[in-house]
PDB file of N, CA and C in Angstrom:
ATOM      1  N   MET A   1     104.451  64.708  36.629  1.00  0.00           N
ATOM      2  CA  MET A   1     104.338  66.212  36.394  1.00  0.00           C
ATOM      3  C   MET A   1     103.050  66.753  37.021  1.00  0.00           C
ATOM      4  N   ARG A   2     101.943  65.914  36.971  1.00  0.00           N
ATOM      5  CA  ARG A   2     100.709  66.443  37.574  1.00  0.00           C
ATOM      6  C   ARG A   2     100.798  66.502  39.120  1.00  0.00           C
ATOM      7  N   LEU A   3     101.607  65.581  39.630  1.00  0.00           N
ATOM      8  CA  LEU A   3     101.749  65.597  41.142  1.00  0.00           C
ATOM      9  C   LEU A   3     102.586  66.898  41.546  1.00  0.00           C
ATOM     10  N   ALA A   4     103.540  67.306  40.723  1.00  0.00           N
ATOM     11  CA  ALA A   4     104.222  68.508  41.086  1.00  0.00           C
ATOM     12  C   ALA A   4     103.323  69.698  40.983  1.00  0.00           C
ATOM     13  N   ALA A   5     102.473  69.695  39.927  1.00  0.00           N
ATOM     14  CA  ALA A   5     101.433  70.856  39.839  1.00  0.00           C
ATOM     15  C   ALA A   5     100.516  70.857  40.991  1.00  0.00           C
ATOM     16  N   GLN A   6     100.036  69.703  41.394  1.00  0.00           N
ATOM     17  CA  GLN A   6      99.054  69.621  42.479  1.00  0.00           C
ATOM     18  C   GLN A   6      99.628  70.049  43.784  1.00  0.00           C
ATOM     19  N   ALA A   7     100.980  69.732  43.904  1.00  0.00           N
ATOM     20  CA  ALA A   7     101.697  70.127  45.164  1.00  0.00           C
ATOM     21  C   ALA A   7     102.102  71.679  45.189  1.00  0.00           C
ATOM     22  N   GLY A   8     101.843  72.253  44.094  1.00  0.00           N
ATOM     23  CA  GLY A   8     102.198  73.732  44.029  1.00  0.00           C
ATOM     24  C   GLY A   8     103.601  74.060  43.619  1.00  0.00           C
ATOM     25  N   ARG A   9     104.272  72.994  43.197  1.00  0.00           N
ATOM     26  CA  ARG A   9     105.747  73.202  42.715  1.00  0.00           C
ATOM     27  C   ARG A   9     105.793  73.561  41.260  1.00  0.00           C
ATOM     28  N   VAL A  10     106.722  74.315  40.935  1.00  0.00           N
ATOM     29  CA  VAL A  10     106.874  74.673  39.485  1.00  0.00           C
ATOM     30  C   VAL A  10     107.392  73.522  38.727  1.00  0.00           C
ATOM     31  N   GLN A  11     106.729  73.193  37.638  1.00  0.00           N
ATOM     32  CA  GLN A  11     107.098  72.010  36.804  1.00  0.00           C
ATOM     33  C   GLN A  11     107.755  72.595  35.544  1.00  0.00           C
ATOM     34  N   GLN A  12     108.808  71.858  35.089  1.00  0.00           N
ATOM     35  CA  GLN A  12     109.323  72.206  33.909  1.00  0.00           C
ATOM     36  C   GLN A  12     109.748  70.986  33.079  1.00  0.00           C
ATOM     37  N   PHE A  13     109.376  71.033  31.811  1.00  0.00           N
ATOM     38  CA  PHE A  13     109.608  70.048  30.851  1.00  0.00           C
ATOM     39  C   PHE A  13     110.057  70.627  29.535  1.00  0.00           C
ATOM     40  N   THR A  14     111.157  70.217  29.011  1.00  0.00           N
ATOM     41  CA  THR A  14     111.664  70.823  27.875  1.00  0.00           C
ATOM     42  C   THR A  14     111.653  69.946  26.605  1.00  0.00           C
ATOM     43  N   PHE A  15     111.187  70.472  25.515  1.00  0.00           N
ATOM     44  CA  PHE A  15     111.209  69.869  24.227  1.00  0.00           C
ATOM     45  C   PHE A  15     112.337  70.673  23.385  1.00  0.00           C
ATOM     46  N   SER A  16     113.150  70.060  22.686  1.00  0.00           N
ATOM     47  CA  SER A  16     114.109  70.677  21.870  1.00  0.00           C
ATOM     48  C   SER A  16     113.831  70.382  20.378  1.00  0.00           C
ATOM     49  N   HIS A  17     113.967  71.285  19.451  1.00  0.00           N
ATOM     50  CA  HIS A  17     113.806  71.059  18.062  1.00  0.00           C
ATOM     51  C   HIS A  17     114.909  71.683  17.327  1.00  0.00           C
ATOM     52  N   ALA A  18     115.331  71.087  16.192  1.00  0.00           N
ATOM     53  CA  ALA A  18     116.498  71.488  15.466  1.00  0.00           C
ATOM     54  C   ALA A  18     116.262  72.886  14.801  1.00  0.00           C
ATOM     55  N   SER A  19     115.043  73.271  14.593  1.00  0.00           N
ATOM     56  CA  SER A  19     114.664  74.501  13.883  1.00  0.00           C
ATOM     57  C   SER A  19     113.252  75.000  14.213  1.00  0.00           C
ATOM     58  N   PRO A  20     112.952  76.233  14.094  1.00  0.00           N
ATOM     59  CA  PRO A  20     111.650  76.726  14.226  1.00  0.00           C
ATOM     60  C   PRO A  20     110.686  76.069  13.316  1.00  0.00           C
ATOM     61  N   GLU A  21     111.047  75.688  12.049  1.00  0.00           N
ATOM     62  CA  GLU A  21     110.214  74.953  11.202  1.00  0.00           C
ATOM     63  C   GLU A  21     109.783  73.759  11.638  1.00  0.00           C
ATOM     64  N   ARG A  22     110.669  72.904  12.274  1.00  0.00           N
ATOM     65  CA  ARG A  22     110.393  71.674  12.889  1.00  0.00           C
ATOM     66  C   ARG A  22     109.403  71.836  14.072  1.00  0.00           C
ATOM     67  N   LEU A  23     109.646  72.846  14.857  1.00  0.00           N
ATOM     68  CA  LEU A  23     108.728  73.080  15.996  1.00  0.00           C
ATOM     69  C   LEU A  23     107.286  73.392  15.435  1.00  0.00           C
ATOM     70  N   PHE A  24     107.226  74.255  14.528  1.00  0.00           N
ATOM     71  CA  PHE A  24     105.902  74.699  13.956  1.00  0.00           C
ATOM     72  C   PHE A  24     105.174  73.628  13.213  1.00  0.00           C
ATOM     73  N   SER A  25     105.979  72.614  12.745  1.00  0.00           N
ATOM     74  CA  SER A  25     105.327  71.498  12.006  1.00  0.00           C
ATOM     75  C   SER A  25     104.667  70.497  13.037  1.00  0.00           C
ATOM     76  N   GLU A  26     105.285  70.513  14.193  1.00  0.00           N
ATOM     77  CA  GLU A  26     104.697  69.613  15.260  1.00  0.00           C
ATOM     78  C   GLU A  26     103.583  70.318  16.044  1.00  0.00           C
ATOM     79  N   ILE A  27     103.759  71.622  16.257  1.00  0.00           N
ATOM     80  CA  ILE A  27     102.746  72.364  16.990  1.00  0.00           C
ATOM     81  C   ILE A  27     102.157  73.421  16.001  1.00  0.00           C
ATOM     82  N   SER A  28     101.277  72.912  15.182  1.00  0.00           N
ATOM     83  CA  SER A  28     100.671  73.806  14.160  1.00  0.00           C
ATOM     84  C   SER A  28      99.629  74.537  14.862  1.00  0.00           C
ATOM     85  N   PRO A  29      99.060  75.673  14.139  1.00  0.00           N
ATOM     86  CA  PRO A  29      98.133  76.449  14.802  1.00  0.00           C
ATOM     87  C   PRO A  29      96.889  75.595  15.265  1.00  0.00           C
ATOM     88  N   LYS A  30      96.426  74.649  14.522  1.00  0.00           N
ATOM     89  CA  LYS A  30      95.282  73.772  15.030  1.00  0.00           C
ATOM     90  C   LYS A  30      95.661  72.995  16.248  1.00  0.00           C
ATOM     91  N   ARG A  31      96.947  72.475  16.330  1.00  0.00           N
ATOM     92  CA  ARG A  31      97.306  71.728  17.456  1.00  0.00           C
ATOM     93  C   ARG A  31      97.431  72.645  18.661  1.00  0.00           C
ATOM     94  N   ARG A  32      98.043  73.889  18.430  1.00  0.00           N
ATOM     95  CA  ARG A  32      98.031  74.757  19.495  1.00  0.00           C
ATOM     96  C   ARG A  32      96.770  75.100  20.079  1.00  0.00           C
ATOM     97  N   GLY A  33      95.777  75.165  19.197  1.00  0.00           N
ATOM     98  CA  GLY A  33      94.329  75.447  19.579  1.00  0.00           C
ATOM     99  C   GLY A  33      93.873  74.296  20.456  1.00  0.00           C
ATOM    100  N   ALA A  34      94.151  73.026  20.128  1.00  0.00           N
ATOM    101  CA  ALA A  34      93.746  71.929  20.842  1.00  0.00           C
ATOM    102  C   ALA A  34      94.365  71.996  22.252  1.00  0.00           C
ATOM    103  N   LEU A  35      95.728  72.325  22.333  1.00  0.00           N
ATOM    104  CA  LEU A  35      96.317  72.441  23.611  1.00  0.00           C
ATOM    105  C   LEU A  35      95.639  73.524  24.504  1.00  0.00           C
ATOM    106  N   GLU A  36      95.383  74.629  23.898  1.00  0.00           N
ATOM    107  CA  GLU A  36      94.689  75.695  24.621  1.00  0.00           C
ATOM    108  C   GLU A  36      93.334  75.270  25.149  1.00  0.00           C
ATOM    109  N   ALA A  37      92.605  74.557  24.261  1.00  0.00           N
ATOM    110  CA  ALA A  37      91.297  74.117  24.771  1.00  0.00           C
ATOM    111  C   ALA A  37      91.323  73.051  25.868  1.00  0.00           C
ATOM    112  N   MET A  38      92.467  72.354  25.919  1.00  0.00           N
ATOM    113  CA  MET A  38      92.560  71.343  27.022  1.00  0.00           C
ATOM    114  C   MET A  38      93.354  71.660  28.185  1.00  0.00           C
ATOM    115  N   SER A  39      94.086  72.763  28.097  1.00  0.00           N
ATOM    116  CA  SER A  39      94.934  73.201  29.232  1.00  0.00           C
ATOM    117  C   SER A  39      94.124  73.520  30.527  1.00  0.00           C
ATOM    118  N   GLY A  40      94.459  72.783  31.562  1.00  0.00           N
ATOM    119  CA  GLY A  40      93.699  73.051  32.862  1.00  0.00           C
ATOM    120  C   GLY A  40      92.410  72.489  32.984  1.00  0.00           C
ATOM    121  N   THR A  41      91.963  71.631  32.024  1.00  0.00           N
ATOM    122  CA  THR A  41      90.559  71.099  32.023  1.00  0.00           C
ATOM    123  C   THR A  41      90.521  69.782  32.794  1.00  0.00           C
ATOM    124  N   GLY A  42      91.639  69.095  32.986  1.00  0.00           N
ATOM    125  CA  GLY A  42      91.540  67.754  33.595  1.00  0.00           C
ATOM    126  C   GLY A  42      91.297  66.754  32.491  1.00  0.00           C
ATOM    127  N   GLU A  43      90.851  65.533  32.874  1.00  0.00           N
ATOM    128  CA  GLU A  43      90.708  64.526  31.902  1.00  0.00           C
ATOM    129  C   GLU A  43      89.414  64.807  31.068  1.00  0.00           C
ATOM    130  N   ILE A  44      89.617  64.675  29.800  1.00  0.00           N
ATOM    131  CA  ILE A  44      88.479  64.896  28.908  1.00  0.00           C
ATOM    132  C   ILE A  44      88.387  63.821  27.765  1.00  0.00           C
ATOM    133  N   SER A  45      87.328  63.677  27.172  1.00  0.00           N
ATOM    134  CA  SER A  45      87.179  62.672  26.112  1.00  0.00           C
ATOM    135  C   SER A  45      87.707  63.358  24.820  1.00  0.00           C
ATOM    136  N   LEU A  46      87.998  62.517  23.867  1.00  0.00           N
ATOM    137  CA  LEU A  46      88.541  62.922  22.556  1.00  0.00           C
ATOM    138  C   LEU A  46      87.610  63.910  21.860  1.00  0.00           C
ATOM    139  N   ARG A  47      86.351  63.669  22.077  1.00  0.00           N
ATOM    140  CA  ARG A  47      85.327  64.464  21.403  1.00  0.00           C
ATOM    141  C   ARG A  47      85.186  65.935  21.979  1.00  0.00           C
ATOM    142  N   GLU A  48      85.538  66.086  23.240  1.00  0.00           N
ATOM    143  CA  GLU A  48      85.345  67.379  23.891  1.00  0.00           C
ATOM    144  C   GLU A  48      86.150  68.510  23.252  1.00  0.00           C
ATOM    145  N   PRO A  49      87.448  68.258  22.971  1.00  0.00           N
ATOM    146  CA  PRO A  49      88.178  69.392  22.292  1.00  0.00           C
ATOM    147  C   PRO A  49      87.588  69.664  20.872  1.00  0.00           C
ATOM    148  N   ALA A  50      87.090  68.776  20.246  1.00  0.00           N
ATOM    149  CA  ALA A  50      86.478  69.031  18.897  1.00  0.00           C
ATOM    150  C   ALA A  50      85.199  69.856  19.038  1.00  0.00           C
ATOM    151  N   ARG A  51      84.492  69.549  20.108  1.00  0.00           N
ATOM    152  CA  ARG A  51      83.239  70.322  20.368  1.00  0.00           C
ATOM    153  C   ARG A  51      83.660  71.764  20.784  1.00  0.00           C
ATOM    154  N   ARG A  52      84.581  71.942  21.663  1.00  0.00           N
ATOM    155  CA  ARG A  52      85.016  73.319  22.133  1.00  0.00           C
ATOM    156  C   ARG A  52      85.583  74.100  20.944  1.00  0.00           C
ATOM    157  N   LEU A  53      86.320  73.397  20.081  1.00  0.00           N
ATOM    158  CA  LEU A  53      86.942  74.166  18.899  1.00  0.00           C
ATOM    159  C   LEU A  53      86.037  74.304  17.722  1.00  0.00           C
ATOM    160  N   GLU A  54      84.958  73.569  17.800  1.00  0.00           N
ATOM    161  CA  GLU A  54      83.960  73.442  16.669  1.00  0.00           C
ATOM    162  C   GLU A  54      84.640  73.060  15.323  1.00  0.00           C
ATOM    163  N   HIS A  55      85.382  71.935  15.499  1.00  0.00           N
ATOM    164  CA  HIS A  55      86.094  71.222  14.428  1.00  0.00           C
ATOM    165  C   HIS A  55      85.572  69.857  14.293  1.00  0.00           C
ATOM    166  N   ASP A  56      85.793  69.228  13.209  1.00  0.00           N
ATOM    167  CA  ASP A  56      85.246  67.828  13.079  1.00  0.00           C
ATOM    168  C   ASP A  56      86.229  66.903  13.888  1.00  0.00           C
ATOM    169  N   VAL A  57      85.577  65.878  14.427  1.00  0.00           N
ATOM    170  CA  VAL A  57      86.306  64.914  15.383  1.00  0.00           C
ATOM    171  C   VAL A  57      87.488  64.231  14.696  1.00  0.00           C
ATOM    172  N   LYS A  58      87.410  64.015  13.420  1.00  0.00           N
ATOM    173  CA  LYS A  58      88.414  63.295  12.773  1.00  0.00           C
ATOM    174  C   LYS A  58      89.799  64.095  12.771  1.00  0.00           C
ATOM    175  N   SER A  59      89.613  65.369  12.348  1.00  0.00           N
ATOM    176  CA  SER A  59      90.786  66.231  12.266  1.00  0.00           C
ATOM    177  C   SER A  59      91.453  66.445  13.636  1.00  0.00           C
ATOM    178  N   VAL A  60      90.562  66.708  14.637  1.00  0.00           N
ATOM    179  CA  VAL A  60      91.009  66.893  16.080  1.00  0.00           C
ATOM    180  C   VAL A  60      91.652  65.590  16.480  1.00  0.00           C
ATOM    181  N   HIS A  61      91.125  64.473  16.185  1.00  0.00           N
ATOM    182  CA  HIS A  61      91.648  63.152  16.586  1.00  0.00           C
ATOM    183  C   HIS A  61      93.093  62.897  16.073  1.00  0.00           C
ATOM    184  N   ARG A  62      93.236  63.408  14.824  1.00  0.00           N
ATOM    185  CA  ARG A  62      94.638  63.366  14.219  1.00  0.00           C
ATOM    186  C   ARG A  62      95.641  64.235  14.997  1.00  0.00           C
ATOM    187  N   ASP A  63      95.164  65.425  15.357  1.00  0.00           N
ATOM    188  CA  ASP A  63      96.037  66.390  16.034  1.00  0.00           C
ATOM    189  C   ASP A  63      96.285  65.863  17.508  1.00  0.00           C
ATOM    190  N   ILE A  64      95.293  65.396  18.122  1.00  0.00           N
ATOM    191  CA  ILE A  64      95.424  64.849  19.510  1.00  0.00           C
ATOM    192  C   ILE A  64      96.526  63.660  19.479  1.00  0.00           C
ATOM    193  N   HIS A  65      96.374  62.858  18.642  1.00  0.00           N
ATOM    194  CA  HIS A  65      97.313  61.723  18.526  1.00  0.00           C
ATOM    195  C   HIS A  65      98.748  62.237  18.253  1.00  0.00           C
ATOM    196  N   ALA A  66      98.896  63.204  17.454  1.00  0.00           N
ATOM    197  CA  ALA A  66     100.253  63.743  17.120  1.00  0.00           C
ATOM    198  C   ALA A  66     100.801  64.348  18.427  1.00  0.00           C
ATOM    199  N   LEU A  67      99.974  65.100  19.224  1.00  0.00           N
ATOM    200  CA  LEU A  67     100.303  65.709  20.483  1.00  0.00           C
ATOM    201  C   LEU A  67     100.716  64.595  21.582  1.00  0.00           C
ATOM    202  N   LEU A  68      99.950  63.500  21.451  1.00  0.00           N
ATOM    203  CA  LEU A  68     100.256  62.434  22.418  1.00  0.00           C
ATOM    204  C   LEU A  68     101.695  61.846  22.110  1.00  0.00           C
ATOM    205  N   GLU A  69     102.054  61.731  20.814  1.00  0.00           N
ATOM    206  CA  GLU A  69     103.300  61.220  20.452  1.00  0.00           C
ATOM    207  C   GLU A  69     104.489  62.203  20.931  1.00  0.00           C
ATOM    208  N   THR A  70     104.228  63.441  20.880  1.00  0.00           N
ATOM    209  CA  THR A  70     105.305  64.423  21.367  1.00  0.00           C
ATOM    210  C   THR A  70     105.400  64.495  22.765  1.00  0.00           C
ATOM    211  N   GLY A  71     104.345  64.093  23.569  1.00  0.00           N
ATOM    212  CA  GLY A  71     104.368  64.093  24.962  1.00  0.00           C
ATOM    213  C   GLY A  71     103.696  65.301  25.626  1.00  0.00           C
ATOM    214  N   LEU A  72     103.111  66.134  24.754  1.00  0.00           N
ATOM    215  CA  LEU A  72     102.402  67.337  25.202  1.00  0.00           C
ATOM    216  C   LEU A  72     101.082  66.923  25.781  1.00  0.00           C
ATOM    217  N   LEU A  73     100.455  65.897  25.412  1.00  0.00           N
ATOM    218  CA  LEU A  73      99.289  65.344  25.947  1.00  0.00           C
ATOM    219  C   LEU A  73      99.595  63.954  26.500  1.00  0.00           C
ATOM    220  N   GLU A  74      98.754  63.477  27.417  1.00  0.00           N
ATOM    221  CA  GLU A  74      98.826  62.173  27.956  1.00  0.00           C
ATOM    222  C   GLU A  74      97.436  61.487  27.859  1.00  0.00           C
ATOM    223  N   LYS A  75      97.520  60.112  27.780  1.00  0.00           N
ATOM    224  CA  LYS A  75      96.255  59.325  27.887  1.00  0.00           C
ATOM    225  C   LYS A  75      96.236  58.672  29.298  1.00  0.00           C
ATOM    226  N   THR A  76      95.075  58.807  29.890  1.00  0.00           N
ATOM    227  CA  THR A  76      94.875  58.344  31.203  1.00  0.00           C
ATOM    228  C   THR A  76      94.516  56.846  31.193  1.00  0.00           C
ATOM    229  N   ALA A  77      94.535  56.256  32.327  1.00  0.00           N
ATOM    230  CA  ALA A  77      94.199  54.760  32.522  1.00  0.00           C
ATOM    231  C   ALA A  77      92.692  54.544  32.051  1.00  0.00           C
ATOM    232  N   SER A  78      91.920  55.523  32.126  1.00  0.00           N
ATOM    233  CA  SER A  78      90.536  55.444  31.810  1.00  0.00           C
ATOM    234  C   SER A  78      90.228  55.710  30.286  1.00  0.00           C
ATOM    235  N   GLY A  79      91.392  56.012  29.507  1.00  0.00           N
ATOM    236  CA  GLY A  79      91.369  56.231  28.098  1.00  0.00           C
ATOM    237  C   GLY A  79      90.992  57.631  27.744  1.00  0.00           C
ATOM    238  N   LYS A  80      90.889  58.589  28.653  1.00  0.00           N
ATOM    239  CA  LYS A  80      90.728  59.930  28.432  1.00  0.00           C
ATOM    240  C   LYS A  80      91.992  60.653  28.112  1.00  0.00           C
ATOM    241  N   ILE A  81      91.951  61.939  27.749  1.00  0.00           N
ATOM    242  CA  ILE A  81      93.148  62.682  27.307  1.00  0.00           C
ATOM    243  C   ILE A  81      93.251  63.866  28.374  1.00  0.00           C
ATOM    244  N   ILE A  82      94.616  64.059  28.722  1.00  0.00           N
ATOM    245  CA  ILE A  82      94.802  65.161  29.619  1.00  0.00           C
ATOM    246  C   ILE A  82      96.033  65.991  29.134  1.00  0.00           C
ATOM    247  N   CYS A  83      96.020  67.323  29.361  1.00  0.00           N
ATOM    248  CA  CYS A  83      97.100  68.166  29.201  1.00  0.00           C
ATOM    249  C   CYS A  83      97.697  68.371  30.585  1.00  0.00           C
ATOM    250  N   PRO A  84      98.829  67.773  30.928  1.00  0.00           N
ATOM    251  CA  PRO A  84      99.405  67.888  32.224  1.00  0.00           C
ATOM    252  C   PRO A  84     100.070  69.173  32.543  1.00  0.00           C
ATOM    253  N   PHE A  85      99.952  70.153  31.713  1.00  0.00           N
ATOM    254  CA  PHE A  85     100.688  71.463  31.921  1.00  0.00           C
ATOM    255  C   PHE A  85      99.604  72.535  32.129  1.00  0.00           C
ATOM    256  N   ASP A  86      99.867  73.387  33.075  1.00  0.00           N
ATOM    257  CA  ASP A  86      99.024  74.505  33.307  1.00  0.00           C
ATOM    258  C   ASP A  86      99.447  75.676  32.283  1.00  0.00           C
ATOM    259  N   GLU A  87     100.719  75.660  31.834  1.00  0.00           N
ATOM    260  CA  GLU A  87     101.201  76.700  30.991  1.00  0.00           C
ATOM    261  C   GLU A  87     102.226  76.115  30.036  1.00  0.00           C
ATOM    262  N   LEU A  88     102.238  76.515  28.826  1.00  0.00           N
ATOM    263  CA  LEU A  88     103.275  76.043  27.878  1.00  0.00           C
ATOM    264  C   LEU A  88     103.928  77.373  27.386  1.00  0.00           C
ATOM    265  N   ARG A  89     105.166  77.321  27.304  1.00  0.00           N
ATOM    266  CA  ARG A  89     105.979  78.528  26.859  1.00  0.00           C
ATOM    267  C   ARG A  89     106.903  78.095  25.746  1.00  0.00           C
ATOM    268  N   VAL A  90     106.861  78.845  24.665  1.00  0.00           N
ATOM    269  CA  VAL A  90     107.759  78.524  23.509  1.00  0.00           C
ATOM    270  C   VAL A  90     108.759  79.622  23.405  1.00  0.00           C
ATOM    271  N   ASP A  91     109.943  79.165  23.315  1.00  0.00           N
ATOM    272  CA  ASP A  91     111.117  80.044  23.372  1.00  0.00           C
ATOM    273  C   ASP A  91     112.155  79.656  22.301  1.00  0.00           C
ATOM    274  N   PHE A  92     112.426  80.466  21.345  1.00  0.00           N
ATOM    275  CA  PHE A  92     113.474  80.235  20.371  1.00  0.00           C
ATOM    276  C   PHE A  92     114.164  81.485  20.052  1.00  0.00           C
ATOM    277  N   THR A  93     115.421  81.309  19.441  1.00  0.00           N
ATOM    278  CA  THR A  93     116.259  82.474  19.035  1.00  0.00           C
ATOM    279  C   THR A  93     116.403  82.333  17.576  1.00  0.00           C
ATOM    280  N   LEU A  94     116.129  83.489  16.900  1.00  0.00           N
ATOM    281  CA  LEU A  94     116.517  83.598  15.449  1.00  0.00           C
ATOM    282  C   LEU A  94     117.765  84.458  15.359  1.00  0.00           C
ATOM    283  N   ALA A  95     118.697  83.905  14.644  1.00  0.00           N
ATOM    284  CA  ALA A  95     119.900  84.662  14.488  1.00  0.00           C
ATOM    285  C   ALA A  95     120.226  84.999  13.038  1.00  0.00           C
ATOM    286  N   GLN A  96     120.974  85.960  12.719  1.00  0.00           N
ATOM    287  CA  GLN A  96     121.252  86.179  11.365  1.00  0.00           C
ATOM    288  C   GLN A  96     122.204  85.076  10.805  1.00  0.00           C
ATOM    289  N   ALA A  97     121.961  84.699   9.649  1.00  0.00           N
ATOM    290  CA  ALA A  97     122.831  83.680   9.055  1.00  0.00           C
ATOM    291  C   ALA A  97     124.257  84.209   8.786  1.00  0.00           C
ATOM    292  N   ALA A  98     125.264  83.401   9.080  1.00  0.00           N
ATOM    293  CA  ALA A  98     126.672  83.854   8.977  1.00  0.00           C
ATOM    294  C   ALA A  98     127.154  83.827   7.581  1.00  0.00           C
TER     295      ALA A  98
END
Protein backbone atom coordinates (compact mmCIF):
# COMPACT_ATOMS: atom_id res chain seq x y z
CA MET A 1 0.00 0.00 0.00
CA ARG A 2 2.77 2.42 0.81
CA LEU A 3 4.32 1.80 -2.58
CA ALA A 4 1.08 2.80 -4.27
CA ALA A 5 0.93 6.00 -2.23
CA GLN A 6 4.57 6.83 -2.97
CA ALA A 7 3.94 6.28 -6.68
CA GLY A 8 1.01 8.70 -6.57
CA ARG A 9 -1.61 6.03 -7.24
CA VAL A 10 -4.91 6.01 -5.41
CA GLN A 11 -4.95 3.29 -2.81
CA GLN A 12 -8.06 1.63 -1.53
CA PHE A 13 -8.45 -0.84 1.29
CA THR A 14 -11.87 -1.85 2.57
CA PHE A 15 -12.92 -3.07 5.99
CA SER A 16 -16.44 -4.38 6.41
CA HIS A 17 -18.35 -4.57 9.67
CA ALA A 18 -21.70 -6.17 10.40
CA SER A 19 -23.00 -3.05 12.15
CA PRO A 20 -22.05 0.51 13.03
CA GLU A 21 -21.77 -0.63 16.67
CA ARG A 22 -19.07 -3.14 15.69
CA LEU A 23 -17.23 -0.49 13.69
CA PHE A 24 -17.31 2.00 16.55
CA SER A 25 -16.17 -0.64 19.04
CA GLU A 26 -13.04 -1.23 16.93
CA ILE A 27 -12.44 2.42 16.07
CA SER A 28 -13.32 4.17 19.30
CA PRO A 29 -12.79 7.93 19.66
CA LYS A 30 -9.41 7.32 21.34
CA ARG A 31 -8.30 4.95 18.58
CA ARG A 32 -9.45 7.43 15.95
CA GLY A 33 -7.33 10.04 17.71
CA ALA A 34 -4.32 7.74 17.51
CA LEU A 35 -4.92 7.23 13.79
CA GLU A 36 -5.16 10.99 13.25
CA ALA A 37 -1.96 11.57 15.23
CA MET A 38 -0.11 8.99 13.14
CA SER A 39 -1.52 9.60 9.67
CA GLY A 40 1.15 10.84 7.29
CA THR A 41 3.94 10.82 9.90
CA GLY A 42 5.94 7.86 8.64
CA GLU A 43 7.50 5.41 11.08
CA ILE A 44 7.21 6.44 14.71
CA SER A 45 7.79 4.85 18.10
CA LEU A 46 4.95 3.66 20.27
CA ARG A 47 5.59 6.51 22.72
CA GLU A 48 5.24 9.25 20.11
CA PRO A 49 1.43 9.01 19.64
CA ALA A 50 1.06 9.05 23.43
CA ARG A 51 3.16 12.21 23.60
CA ARG A 52 1.21 13.89 20.79
CA LEU A 53 -2.14 12.98 22.31
CA GLU A 54 -1.00 13.72 25.87
CA HIS A 55 -2.26 10.30 27.01
CA ASP A 56 -0.51 7.71 29.12
CA VAL A 57 1.63 5.24 27.19
CA LYS A 58 -0.20 2.19 28.56
CA SER A 59 -3.63 3.15 27.20
CA VAL A 60 -2.20 4.27 23.84
CA HIS A 61 -0.21 1.01 23.69
CA ARG A 62 -3.47 -0.94 24.07
CA ASP A 63 -5.17 1.09 21.33
CA ILE A 64 -2.19 0.82 18.97
CA HIS A 65 -2.14 -2.96 19.33
CA ALA A 66 -5.89 -3.16 18.65
CA LEU A 67 -5.37 -1.08 15.47
CA LEU A 68 -2.47 -3.32 14.46
CA GLU A 69 -4.80 -6.32 14.74
CA THR A 70 -7.38 -4.68 12.46
CA GLY A 71 -4.73 -3.80 9.87
CA LEU A 72 -5.17 -0.04 10.15
CA LEU A 73 -1.62 0.26 11.48
CA GLU A 74 1.46 -1.75 10.60
CA LYS A 75 4.65 -2.64 12.46
CA THR A 76 7.84 -2.08 10.49
CA ALA A 77 10.93 -4.31 10.41
CA SER A 78 12.60 -1.86 12.80
CA GLY A 79 9.76 -2.33 15.33
CA LYS A 80 8.23 1.09 14.80
CA ILE A 81 4.59 1.74 13.94
CA ILE A 82 3.24 3.27 10.73
CA CYS A 83 -0.17 4.30 9.46
CA PRO A 84 0.07 3.33 5.77
CA PHE A 85 -2.88 5.51 4.77
CA ASP A 86 -2.92 9.20 3.91
CA GLU A 87 -6.67 9.29 4.42
CA LEU A 88 -9.28 7.12 6.10
CA ARG A 89 -12.90 7.37 5.09
CA VAL A 90 -15.78 5.81 7.02
CA ASP A 91 -18.95 5.14 5.08
CA PHE A 92 -22.07 3.41 6.37
CA THR A 93 -25.77 3.47 5.70
CA LEU A 94 -28.44 3.64 8.37
CA ALA A 95 -31.80 2.38 7.21
CA GLN A 96 -35.16 2.34 8.91
CA ALA A 97 -35.96 -1.04 10.46
CA ALA A 98 -38.54 -3.00 8.52
